[in-house]
Amino acid sequence: MKKLSEYATTDINTLTQNGKYMLFFKADWCPDCKFIEPFMPEIAADYPDYQFIEVDRDEFMDLAKDLGIMGIPSFVAFKDGQEIGRFVNKDRKTKPEVESFIDSLN
């Protein structure tokens, strides 16, 4: 999983224009983010049709505000530049919950 800061552009509209993307909003200080983080490589491997992008909410606060992301960890899915779903709240998320969310998109 690449970090948003590693891409040539951080413009989400441009970045997600072609294909399926899953934005994973997190922060280093967030205990609930630390809880789900070890499962993220496995989740990403189980859903190879999505490109997973880690977004540091503090580093990209304007993007988080634009997308209405205040609670973390949160997930926002895009397909061909359009948002197709979101799992956004301030609650701790488990691997089965994240997988269930992704499954609901297909």
PDB file of N, CA and C in Angstrom:
ATOM      1  N   MET A   1       0.851  -1.172   0.000  1.00  0.00           N
ATOM      2  CA  MET A   1       0.000   0.000   0.000  1.00  0.00           C
ATOM      3  C   MET A   1       0.896   1.234   0.000  1.00  0.00           C
ATOM      4  N   LYS A   2       0.638   2.105  -0.972  1.00  0.00           N
ATOM      5  CA  LYS A   2       1.409   3.336  -1.053  1.00  0.00           C
ATOM      6  C   LYS A   2       0.734   4.431  -0.248  1.00  0.00           C
ATOM      7  N   LYS A   3       1.552   5.370   0.189  1.00  0.00           N
ATOM      8  CA  LYS A   3       1.039   6.554   0.878  1.00  0.00           C
ATOM      9  C   LYS A   3       0.698   7.601  -0.176  1.00  0.00           C
ATOM     10  N   LEU A   4      -0.317   8.395   0.118  1.00  0.00           N
ATOM     11  CA  LEU A   4      -0.722   9.448  -0.814  1.00  0.00           C
ATOM     12  C   LEU A   4       0.454  10.365  -1.132  1.00  0.00           C
ATOM     13  N   SER A   5       1.298  10.621  -0.159  1.00  0.00           N
ATOM     14  CA  SER A   5       2.442  11.522  -0.351  1.00  0.00           C
ATOM     15  C   SER A   5       3.470  10.966  -1.342  1.00  0.00           C
ATOM     16  N   GLU A   6       3.394   9.677  -1.669  1.00  0.00           N
ATOM     17  CA  GLU A   6       4.336   9.058  -2.602  1.00  0.00           C
ATOM     18  C   GLU A   6       3.908   9.188  -4.067  1.00  0.00           C
ATOM     19  N   TYR A   7       2.699   9.655  -4.310  1.00  0.00           N
ATOM     20  CA  TYR A   7       2.206   9.792  -5.675  1.00  0.00           C
ATOM     21  C   TYR A   7       2.647  11.113  -6.293  1.00  0.00           C
ATOM     22  N   ALA A   8       2.683  11.148  -7.611  1.00  0.00           N
ATOM     23  CA  ALA A   8       3.078  12.366  -8.326  1.00  0.00           C
ATOM     24  C   ALA A   8       2.062  13.480  -8.104  1.00  0.00           C
ATOM     25  N   THR A   9       0.808  13.104  -7.913  1.00  0.00           N
ATOM     26  CA  THR A   9      -0.234  14.087  -7.615  1.00  0.00           C
ATOM     27  C   THR A   9      -0.977  13.656  -6.357  1.00  0.00           C
ATOM     28  N   THR A  10      -1.435  14.625  -5.605  1.00  0.00           N
ATOM     29  CA  THR A  10      -2.265  14.299  -4.441  1.00  0.00           C
ATOM     30  C   THR A  10      -3.703  14.741  -4.693  1.00  0.00           C
ATOM     31  N   ASP A  11      -3.998  15.096  -5.952  1.00  0.00           N
ATOM     32  CA  ASP A  11      -5.360  15.453  -6.330  1.00  0.00           C
ATOM     33  C   ASP A  11      -6.161  14.162  -6.498  1.00  0.00           C
ATOM     34  N   ILE A  12      -7.106  13.949  -5.611  1.00  0.00           N
ATOM     35  CA  ILE A  12      -7.867  12.697  -5.582  1.00  0.00           C
ATOM     36  C   ILE A  12      -8.664  12.491  -6.863  1.00  0.00           C
ATOM     37  N   ASN A  13      -9.222  13.554  -7.426  1.00  0.00           N
ATOM     38  CA  ASN A  13      -9.991  13.418  -8.666  1.00  0.00           C
ATOM     39  C   ASN A  13      -9.124  12.888  -9.806  1.00  0.00           C
ATOM     40  N   THR A  14      -7.914  13.395  -9.901  1.00  0.00           N
ATOM     41  CA  THR A  14      -6.987  12.940 -10.940  1.00  0.00           C
ATOM     42  C   THR A  14      -6.500  11.526 -10.635  1.00  0.00           C
ATOM     43  N   LEU A  15      -6.140  11.299  -9.400  1.00  0.00           N
ATOM     44  CA  LEU A  15      -5.554  10.019  -8.995  1.00  0.00           C
ATOM     45  C   LEU A  15      -6.515   8.846  -9.168  1.00  0.00           C
ATOM     46  N   THR A  16      -7.780   9.060  -8.863  1.00  0.00           N
ATOM     47  CA  THR A  16      -8.747   7.955  -8.876  1.00  0.00           C
ATOM     48  C   THR A  16      -9.525   7.861 -10.183  1.00  0.00           C
ATOM     49  N   GLN A  17      -9.069   8.568 -11.204  1.00  0.00           N
ATOM     50  CA  GLN A  17      -9.809   8.671 -12.448  1.00  0.00           C
ATOM     51  C   GLN A  17     -10.057   7.334 -13.139  1.00  0.00           C
ATOM     52  N   ASN A  18      -9.086   6.437 -13.103  1.00  0.00           N
ATOM     53  CA  ASN A  18      -9.225   5.149 -13.791  1.00  0.00           C
ATOM     54  C   ASN A  18      -8.972   4.000 -12.832  1.00  0.00           C
ATOM     55  N   GLY A  19      -9.969   3.154 -12.643  1.00  0.00           N
ATOM     56  CA  GLY A  19      -9.813   1.989 -11.780  1.00  0.00           C
ATOM     57  C   GLY A  19     -10.494   2.165 -10.441  1.00  0.00           C
ATOM     58  N   LYS A  20     -10.193   1.210  -9.545  1.00  0.00           N
ATOM     59  CA  LYS A  20     -10.796   1.209  -8.209  1.00  0.00           C
ATOM     60  C   LYS A  20      -9.740   1.555  -7.174  1.00  0.00           C
ATOM     61  N   TYR A  21     -10.120   2.423  -6.250  1.00  0.00           N
ATOM     62  CA  TYR A  21      -9.204   2.882  -5.212  1.00  0.00           C
ATOM     63  C   TYR A  21      -9.893   2.852  -3.856  1.00  0.00           C
ATOM     64  N   MET A  22      -9.112   2.538  -2.843  1.00  0.00           N
ATOM     65  CA  MET A  22      -9.589   2.566  -1.468  1.00  0.00           C
ATOM     66  C   MET A  22      -8.663   3.483  -0.679  1.00  0.00           C
ATOM     67  N   LEU A  23      -9.191   4.609  -0.226  1.00  0.00           N
ATOM     68  CA  LEU A  23      -8.410   5.524   0.598  1.00  0.00           C
ATOM     69  C   LEU A  23      -8.573   5.108   2.051  1.00  0.00           C
ATOM     70  N   PHE A  24      -7.447   4.923   2.720  1.00  0.00           N
ATOM     71  CA  PHE A  24      -7.411   4.536   4.128  1.00  0.00           C
ATOM     72  C   PHE A  24      -6.888   5.733   4.908  1.00  0.00           C
ATOM     73  N   PHE A  25      -7.804   6.462   5.563  1.00  0.00           N
ATOM     74  CA  PHE A  25      -7.432   7.632   6.352  1.00  0.00           C
ATOM     75  C   PHE A  25      -7.020   7.200   7.746  1.00  0.00           C
ATOM     76  N   LYS A  26      -5.858   7.693   8.182  1.00  0.00           N
ATOM     77  CA  LYS A  26      -5.315   7.322   9.484  1.00  0.00           C
ATOM     78  C   LYS A  26      -4.450   8.449  10.010  1.00  0.00           C
ATOM     79  N   ALA A  27      -3.955   8.270  11.223  1.00  0.00           N
ATOM     80  CA  ALA A  27      -2.977   9.192  11.809  1.00  0.00           C
ATOM     81  C   ALA A  27      -2.074   8.374  12.727  1.00  0.00           C
ATOM     82  N   ASP A  28      -0.839   8.798  12.841  1.00  0.00           N
ATOM     83  CA  ASP A  28       0.140   8.051  13.644  1.00  0.00           C
ATOM     84  C   ASP A  28      -0.234   7.968  15.119  1.00  0.00           C
ATOM     85  N   TRP A  29      -0.921   8.973  15.626  1.00  0.00           N
ATOM     86  CA  TRP A  29      -1.258   9.028  17.053  1.00  0.00           C
ATOM     87  C   TRP A  29      -2.540   8.264  17.389  1.00  0.00           C
ATOM     88  N   CYS A  30      -3.244   7.757  16.402  1.00  0.00           N
ATOM     89  CA  CYS A  30      -4.576   7.172  16.569  1.00  0.00           C
ATOM     90  C   CYS A  30      -4.501   5.700  16.992  1.00  0.00           C
ATOM     91  N   PRO A  31      -4.943   5.356  18.211  1.00  0.00           N
ATOM     92  CA  PRO A  31      -4.869   3.959  18.661  1.00  0.00           C
ATOM     93  C   PRO A  31      -5.744   3.009  17.840  1.00  0.00           C
ATOM     94  N   ASP A  32      -6.901   3.485  17.370  1.00  0.00           N
ATOM     95  CA  ASP A  32      -7.763   2.623  16.563  1.00  0.00           C
ATOM     96  C   ASP A  32      -7.157   2.371  15.177  1.00  0.00           C
ATOM     97  N   CYS A  33      -6.376   3.331  14.684  1.00  0.00           N
ATOM     98  CA  CYS A  33      -5.662   3.142  13.423  1.00  0.00           C
ATOM     99  C   CYS A  33      -4.568   2.091  13.605  1.00  0.00           C
ATOM    100  N   LYS A  34      -3.877   2.166  14.730  1.00  0.00           N
ATOM    101  CA  LYS A  34      -2.825   1.179  15.031  1.00  0.00           C
ATOM    102  C   LYS A  34      -3.423  -0.224  15.141  1.00  0.00           C
ATOM    103  N   PHE A  35      -4.674  -0.309  15.613  1.00  0.00           N
ATOM    104  CA  PHE A  35      -5.346  -1.596  15.766  1.00  0.00           C
ATOM    105  C   PHE A  35      -5.575  -2.256  14.406  1.00  0.00           C
ATOM    106  N   ILE A  36      -6.044  -1.514  13.407  1.00  0.00           N
ATOM    107  CA  ILE A  36      -6.367  -2.089  12.094  1.00  0.00           C
ATOM    108  C   ILE A  36      -5.146  -2.167  11.178  1.00  0.00           C
ATOM    109  N   GLU A  37      -4.144  -1.343  11.417  1.00  0.00           N
ATOM    110  CA  GLU A  37      -2.979  -1.262  10.538  1.00  0.00           C
ATOM    111  C   GLU A  37      -2.311  -2.610  10.242  1.00  0.00           C
ATOM    112  N   PRO A  38      -2.111  -3.490  11.233  1.00  0.00           N
ATOM    113  CA  PRO A  38      -1.470  -4.770  10.925  1.00  0.00           C
ATOM    114  C   PRO A  38      -2.256  -5.639   9.948  1.00  0.00           C
ATOM    115  N   PHE A  39      -3.558  -5.419   9.847  1.00  0.00           N
ATOM    116  CA  PHE A  39      -4.397  -6.213   8.950  1.00  0.00           C
ATOM    117  C   PHE A  39      -4.475  -5.630   7.538  1.00  0.00           C
ATOM    118  N   MET A  40      -4.023  -4.411   7.360  1.00  0.00           N
ATOM    119  CA  MET A  40      -4.192  -3.743   6.072  1.00  0.00           C
ATOM    120  C   MET A  40      -3.468  -4.442   4.916  1.00  0.00           C
ATOM    121  N   PRO A  41      -2.230  -4.936   5.080  1.00  0.00           N
ATOM    122  CA  PRO A  41      -1.607  -5.651   3.950  1.00  0.00           C
ATOM    123  C   PRO A  41      -2.415  -6.882   3.527  1.00  0.00           C
ATOM    124  N   GLU A  42      -2.973  -7.582   4.498  1.00  0.00           N
ATOM    125  CA  GLU A  42      -3.796  -8.750   4.213  1.00  0.00           C
ATOM    126  C   GLU A  42      -5.087  -8.354   3.496  1.00  0.00           C
ATOM    127  N   ILE A  43      -5.728  -7.306   3.969  1.00  0.00           N
ATOM    128  CA  ILE A  43      -6.961  -6.822   3.342  1.00  0.00           C
ATOM    129  C   ILE A  43      -6.665  -6.384   1.909  1.00  0.00           C
ATOM    130  N   ALA A  44      -5.601  -5.638   1.710  1.00  0.00           N
ATOM    131  CA  ALA A  44      -5.234  -5.177   0.370  1.00  0.00           C
ATOM    132  C   ALA A  44      -4.955  -6.367  -0.551  1.00  0.00           C
ATOM    133  N   ALA A  45      -4.304  -7.400  -0.031  1.00  0.00           N
ATOM    134  CA  ALA A  45      -4.009  -8.594  -0.834  1.00  0.00           C
ATOM    135  C   ALA A  45      -5.284  -9.350  -1.201  1.00  0.00           C
ATOM    136  N   ASP A  46      -6.280  -9.318  -0.318  1.00  0.00           N
ATOM    137  CA  ASP A  46      -7.548 -10.014  -0.570  1.00  0.00           C
ATOM    138  C   ASP A  46      -8.428  -9.283  -1.591  1.00  0.00           C
ATOM    139  N   TYR A  47      -8.120  -8.026  -1.856  1.00  0.00           N
ATOM    140  CA  TYR A  47      -8.916  -7.223  -2.797  1.00  0.00           C
ATOM    141  C   TYR A  47      -7.988  -6.580  -3.829  1.00  0.00           C
ATOM    142  N   PRO A  48      -7.393  -7.415  -4.700  1.00  0.00           N
ATOM    143  CA  PRO A  48      -6.400  -6.899  -5.652  1.00  0.00           C
ATOM    144  C   PRO A  48      -6.982  -5.974  -6.717  1.00  0.00           C
ATOM    145  N   ASP A  49      -8.318  -5.958  -6.867  1.00  0.00           N
ATOM    146  CA  ASP A  49      -8.917  -5.053  -7.851  1.00  0.00           C
ATOM    147  C   ASP A  49      -8.929  -3.606  -7.362  1.00  0.00           C
ATOM    148  N   TYR A  50      -8.620  -3.407  -6.071  1.00  0.00           N
ATOM    149  CA  TYR A  50      -8.521  -2.055  -5.508  1.00  0.00           C
ATOM    150  C   TYR A  50      -7.065  -1.687  -5.293  1.00  0.00           C
ATOM    151  N   GLN A  51      -6.755  -0.438  -5.567  1.00  0.00           N
ATOM    152  CA  GLN A  51      -5.455   0.105  -5.202  1.00  0.00           C
ATOM    153  C   GLN A  51      -5.664   0.826  -3.879  1.00  0.00           C
ATOM    154  N   PHE A  52      -5.003   0.356  -2.845  1.00  0.00           N
ATOM    155  CA  PHE A  52      -5.150   0.941  -1.511  1.00  0.00           C
ATOM    156  C   PHE A  52      -4.152   2.076  -1.342  1.00  0.00           C
ATOM    157  N   ILE A  53      -4.641   3.191  -0.835  1.00  0.00           N
ATOM    158  CA  ILE A  53      -3.803   4.370  -0.630  1.00  0.00           C
ATOM    159  C   ILE A  53      -3.958   4.827   0.816  1.00  0.00           C
ATOM    160  N   GLU A  54      -2.849   4.871   1.510  1.00  0.00           N
ATOM    161  CA  GLU A  54      -2.839   5.342   2.897  1.00  0.00           C
ATOM    162  C   GLU A  54      -2.772   6.864   2.907  1.00  0.00           C
ATOM    163  N   VAL A  55      -3.700   7.478   3.628  1.00  0.00           N
ATOM    164  CA  VAL A  55      -3.764   8.937   3.698  1.00  0.00           C
ATOM    165  C   VAL A  55      -3.623   9.363   5.154  1.00  0.00           C
ATOM    166  N   ASP A  56      -2.546  10.097   5.452  1.00  0.00           N
ATOM    167  CA  ASP A  56      -2.359  10.640   6.789  1.00  0.00           C
ATOM    168  C   ASP A  56      -3.312  11.831   6.936  1.00  0.00           C
ATOM    169  N   ARG A  57      -4.306  11.658   7.792  1.00  0.00           N
ATOM    170  CA  ARG A  57      -5.341  12.689   7.921  1.00  0.00           C
ATOM    171  C   ARG A  57      -4.764  14.032   8.346  1.00  0.00           C
ATOM    172  N   ASP A  58      -3.756  14.015   9.189  1.00  0.00           N
ATOM    173  CA  ASP A  58      -3.164  15.270   9.659  1.00  0.00           C
ATOM    174  C   ASP A  58      -2.372  15.977   8.557  1.00  0.00           C
ATOM    175  N   GLU A  59      -1.691  15.193   7.732  1.00  0.00           N
ATOM    176  CA  GLU A  59      -0.900  15.749   6.631  1.00  0.00           C
ATOM    177  C   GLU A  59      -1.805  16.293   5.520  1.00  0.00           C
ATOM    178  N   PHE A  60      -2.943  15.627   5.313  1.00  0.00           N
ATOM    179  CA  PHE A  60      -3.868  16.005   4.246  1.00  0.00           C
ATOM    180  C   PHE A  60      -5.215  16.431   4.832  1.00  0.00           C
ATOM    181  N   MET A  61      -5.162  17.350   5.783  1.00  0.00           N
ATOM    182  CA  MET A  61      -6.363  17.801   6.486  1.00  0.00           C
ATOM    183  C   MET A  61      -7.373  18.443   5.532  1.00  0.00           C
ATOM    184  N   ASP A  62      -6.913  19.190   4.530  1.00  0.00           N
ATOM    185  CA  ASP A  62      -7.838  19.811   3.574  1.00  0.00           C
ATOM    186  C   ASP A  62      -8.623  18.747   2.815  1.00  0.00           C
ATOM    187  N   LEU A  63      -7.952  17.690   2.401  1.00  0.00           N
ATOM    188  CA  LEU A  63      -8.625  16.580   1.714  1.00  0.00           C
ATOM    189  C   LEU A  63      -9.618  15.908   2.655  1.00  0.00           C
ATOM    190  N   ALA A  64      -9.192  15.671   3.883  1.00  0.00           N
ATOM    191  CA  ALA A  64     -10.083  15.046   4.872  1.00  0.00           C
ATOM    192  C   ALA A  64     -11.331  15.908   5.074  1.00  0.00           C
ATOM    193  N   LYS A  65     -11.144  17.209   5.178  1.00  0.00           N
ATOM    194  CA  LYS A  65     -12.290  18.111   5.344  1.00  0.00           C
ATOM    195  C   LYS A  65     -13.188  18.080   4.114  1.00  0.00           C
ATOM    196  N   ASP A  66     -12.575  18.111   2.920  1.00  0.00           N
ATOM    197  CA  ASP A  66     -13.354  18.080   1.680  1.00  0.00           C
ATOM    198  C   ASP A  66     -14.214  16.826   1.591  1.00  0.00           C
ATOM    199  N   LEU A  67     -13.682  15.712   2.095  1.00  0.00           N
ATOM    200  CA  LEU A  67     -14.404  14.435   2.040  1.00  0.00           C
ATOM    201  C   LEU A  67     -15.217  14.157   3.303  1.00  0.00           C
ATOM    202  N   GLY A  68     -15.172  15.085   4.262  1.00  0.00           N
ATOM    203  CA  GLY A  68     -15.946  14.909   5.487  1.00  0.00           C
ATOM    204  C   GLY A  68     -15.389  13.843   6.413  1.00  0.00           C
ATOM    205  N   ILE A  69     -14.071  13.688   6.401  1.00  0.00           N
ATOM    206  CA  ILE A  69     -13.414  12.684   7.251  1.00  0.00           C
ATOM    207  C   ILE A  69     -12.904  13.357   8.516  1.00  0.00           C
ATOM    208  N   MET A  70     -13.566  13.150   9.622  1.00  0.00           N
ATOM    209  CA  MET A  70     -13.078  13.653  10.898  1.00  0.00           C
ATOM    210  C   MET A  70     -12.741  12.477  11.811  1.00  0.00           C
ATOM    211  N   GLY A  71     -13.528  11.430  11.765  1.00  0.00           N
ATOM    212  CA  GLY A  71     -13.235  10.235  12.547  1.00  0.00           C
ATOM    213  C   GLY A  71     -12.296   9.323  11.776  1.00  0.00           C
ATOM    214  N   ILE A  72     -11.350   8.752  12.468  1.00  0.00           N
ATOM    215  CA  ILE A  72     -10.418   7.815  11.839  1.00  0.00           C
ATOM    216  C   ILE A  72     -10.258   6.590  12.739  1.00  0.00           C
ATOM    217  N   PRO A  73      -9.900   5.459  12.170  1.00  0.00           N
ATOM    218  CA  PRO A  73      -9.633   5.191  10.754  1.00  0.00           C
ATOM    219  C   PRO A  73     -10.918   5.210   9.941  1.00  0.00           C
ATOM    220  N   SER A  74     -10.799   5.628   8.701  1.00  0.00           N
ATOM    221  CA  SER A  74     -11.942   5.656   7.802  1.00  0.00           C
ATOM    222  C   SER A  74     -11.507   5.232   6.408  1.00  0.00           C
ATOM    223  N   PHE A  75     -12.474   4.753   5.651  1.00  0.00           N
ATOM    224  CA  PHE A  75     -12.223   4.241   4.311  1.00  0.00           C
ATOM    225  C   PHE A  75     -13.196   4.890   3.338  1.00  0.00           C
ATOM    226  N   VAL A  76     -12.669   5.329   2.174  1.00  0.00           N
ATOM    227  CA  VAL A  76     -13.509   5.881   1.121  1.00  0.00           C
ATOM    228  C   VAL A  76     -13.103   5.192  -0.176  1.00  0.00           C
ATOM    229  N   ALA A  77     -14.096   4.613  -0.862  1.00  0.00           N
ATOM    230  CA  ALA A  77     -13.851   3.872  -2.099  1.00  0.00           C
ATOM    231  C   ALA A  77     -14.228   4.715  -3.311  1.00  0.00           C
ATOM    232  N   PHE A  78     -13.398   4.623  -4.346  1.00  0.00           N
ATOM    233  CA  PHE A  78     -13.641   5.305  -5.613  1.00  0.00           C
ATOM    234  C   PHE A  78     -13.544   4.308  -6.755  1.00  0.00           C
ATOM    235  N   LYS A  79     -14.349   4.545  -7.771  1.00  0.00           N
ATOM    236  CA  LYS A  79     -14.247   3.777  -9.014  1.00  0.00           C
ATOM    237  C   LYS A  79     -14.362   4.771 -10.156  1.00  0.00           C
ATOM    238  N   ASP A  80     -13.325   4.797 -10.994  1.00  0.00           N
ATOM    239  CA  ASP A  80     -13.286   5.690 -12.154  1.00  0.00           C
ATOM    240  C   ASP A  80     -13.641   7.129 -11.790  1.00  0.00           C
ATOM    241  N   GLY A  81     -13.058   7.595 -10.693  1.00  0.00           N
ATOM    242  CA  GLY A  81     -13.194   8.990 -10.284  1.00  0.00           C
ATOM    243  C   GLY A  81     -14.428   9.324  -9.468  1.00  0.00           C
ATOM    244  N   GLN A  82     -15.312   8.351  -9.269  1.00  0.00           N
ATOM    245  CA  GLN A  82     -16.542   8.594  -8.511  1.00  0.00           C
ATOM    246  C   GLN A  82     -16.501   7.848  -7.181  1.00  0.00           C
ATOM    247  N   GLU A  83     -16.918   8.520  -6.123  1.00  0.00           N
ATOM    248  CA  GLU A  83     -17.012   7.834  -4.835  1.00  0.00           C
ATOM    249  C   GLU A  83     -18.126   6.795  -4.921  1.00  0.00           C
ATOM    250  N   ILE A  84     -17.805   5.553  -4.509  1.00  0.00           N
ATOM    251  CA  ILE A  84     -18.807   4.479  -4.567  1.00  0.00           C
ATOM    252  C   ILE A  84     -19.186   3.964  -3.179  1.00  0.00           C
ATOM    253  N   GLY A  85     -18.501   4.444  -2.145  1.00  0.00           N
ATOM    254  CA  GLY A  85     -18.858   4.024  -0.800  1.00  0.00           C
ATOM    255  C   GLY A  85     -17.893   4.565   0.220  1.00  0.00           C
ATOM    256  N   ARG A  86     -18.357   4.567   1.474  1.00  0.00           N
ATOM    257  CA  ARG A  86     -17.500   5.041   2.558  1.00  0.00           C
ATOM    258  C   ARG A  86     -17.841   4.313   3.844  1.00  0.00           C
ATOM    259  N   PHE A  87     -16.808   4.081   4.620  1.00  0.00           N
ATOM    260  CA  PHE A  87     -16.917   3.489   5.953  1.00  0.00           C
ATOM    261  C   PHE A  87     -16.240   4.503   6.855  1.00  0.00           C
ATOM    262  N   VAL A  88     -17.013   5.516   7.240  1.00  0.00           N
ATOM    263  CA  VAL A  88     -16.462   6.680   7.925  1.00  0.00           C
ATOM    264  C   VAL A  88     -17.198   6.886   9.248  1.00  0.00           C
ATOM    265  N   ASN A  89     -16.448   6.722  10.320  1.00  0.00           N
ATOM    266  CA  ASN A  89     -16.934   7.065  11.660  1.00  0.00           C
ATOM    267  C   ASN A  89     -15.725   7.065  12.579  1.00  0.00           C
ATOM    268  N   LYS A  90     -15.945   7.337  13.827  1.00  0.00           N
ATOM    269  CA  LYS A  90     -14.810   7.420  14.764  1.00  0.00           C
ATOM    270  C   LYS A  90     -14.556   6.107  15.493  1.00  0.00           C
ATOM    271  N   ASP A  91     -15.289   5.046  15.152  1.00  0.00           N
ATOM    272  CA  ASP A  91     -15.174   3.779  15.867  1.00  0.00           C
ATOM    273  C   ASP A  91     -13.979   2.950  15.403  1.00  0.00           C
ATOM    274  N   ARG A  92     -13.498   2.113  16.301  1.00  0.00           N
ATOM    275  CA  ARG A  92     -12.484   1.123  15.948  1.00  0.00           C
ATOM    276  C   ARG A  92     -13.092   0.180  14.927  1.00  0.00           C
ATOM    277  N   LYS A  93     -12.313  -0.193  13.924  1.00  0.00           N
ATOM    278  CA  LYS A  93     -12.804  -1.081  12.880  1.00  0.00           C
ATOM    279  C   LYS A  93     -12.016  -2.388  12.898  1.00  0.00           C
ATOM    280  N   THR A  94     -12.737  -3.487  12.746  1.00  0.00           N
ATOM    281  CA  THR A  94     -12.091  -4.802  12.724  1.00  0.00           C
ATOM    282  C   THR A  94     -11.880  -5.237  11.273  1.00  0.00           C
ATOM    283  N   LYS A  95     -11.022  -6.206  11.091  1.00  0.00           N
ATOM    284  CA  LYS A  95     -10.776  -6.746   9.751  1.00  0.00           C
ATOM    285  C   LYS A  95     -12.079  -7.238   9.117  1.00  0.00           C
ATOM    286  N   PRO A  96     -12.915  -8.031   9.823  1.00  0.00           N
ATOM    287  CA  PRO A  96     -14.175  -8.469   9.208  1.00  0.00           C
ATOM    288  C   PRO A  96     -15.107  -7.310   8.833  1.00  0.00           C
ATOM    289  N   GLU A  97     -15.112  -6.241   9.625  1.00  0.00           N
ATOM    290  CA  GLU A  97     -15.953  -5.088   9.301  1.00  0.00           C
ATOM    291  C   GLU A  97     -15.479  -4.396   8.023  1.00  0.00           C
ATOM    292  N   VAL A  98     -14.168  -4.248   7.890  1.00  0.00           N
ATOM    293  CA  VAL A  98     -13.614  -3.608   6.690  1.00  0.00           C
ATOM    294  C   VAL A  98     -13.894  -4.486   5.475  1.00  0.00           C
ATOM    295  N   GLU A  99     -13.695  -5.786   5.609  1.00  0.00           N
ATOM    296  CA  GLU A  99     -13.958  -6.706   4.509  1.00  0.00           C
ATOM    297  C   GLU A  99     -15.429  -6.691   4.115  1.00  0.00           C
ATOM    298  N   SER A 100     -16.302  -6.639   5.092  1.00  0.00           N
ATOM    299  CA  SER A 100     -17.741  -6.581   4.831  1.00  0.00           C
ATOM    300  C   SER A 100     -18.097  -5.303   4.066  1.00  0.00           C
ATOM    301  N   PHE A 101     -17.482  -4.204   4.456  1.00  0.00           N
ATOM    302  CA  PHE A 101     -17.697  -2.946   3.742  1.00  0.00           C
ATOM    303  C   PHE A 101     -17.256  -3.076   2.287  1.00  0.00           C
ATOM    304  N   ILE A 102     -16.058  -3.605   2.051  1.00  0.00           N
ATOM    305  CA  ILE A 102     -15.548  -3.739   0.682  1.00  0.00           C
ATOM    306  C   ILE A 102     -16.438  -4.702  -0.120  1.00  0.00           C
ATOM    307  N   ASP A 103     -16.844  -5.792   0.502  1.00  0.00           N
ATOM    308  CA  ASP A 103     -17.732  -6.751  -0.175  1.00  0.00           C
ATOM    309  C   ASP A 103     -19.039  -6.094  -0.584  1.00  0.00           C
ATOM    310  N   SER A 104     -19.529  -5.164   0.216  1.00  0.00           N
ATOM    311  CA  SER A 104     -20.811  -4.511  -0.085  1.00  0.00           C
ATOM    312  C   SER A 104     -20.725  -3.601  -1.304  1.00  0.00           C
ATOM    313  N   LEU A 105     -19.519  -3.254  -1.723  1.00  0.00           N
ATOM    314  CA  LEU A 105     -19.337  -2.363  -2.865  1.00  0.00           C
ATOM    315  C   LEU A 105     -19.481  -3.091  -4.191  1.00  0.00           C
ATOM    316  N   ASN A 106     -19.299  -4.388  -4.181  1.00  0.00           N
ATOM    317  CA  ASN A 106     -19.273  -5.151  -5.441  1.00  0.00           C
ATOM    318  C   ASN A 106     -20.630  -5.682  -5.835  1.00  0.00           C
TER     319      ASN A 106
END
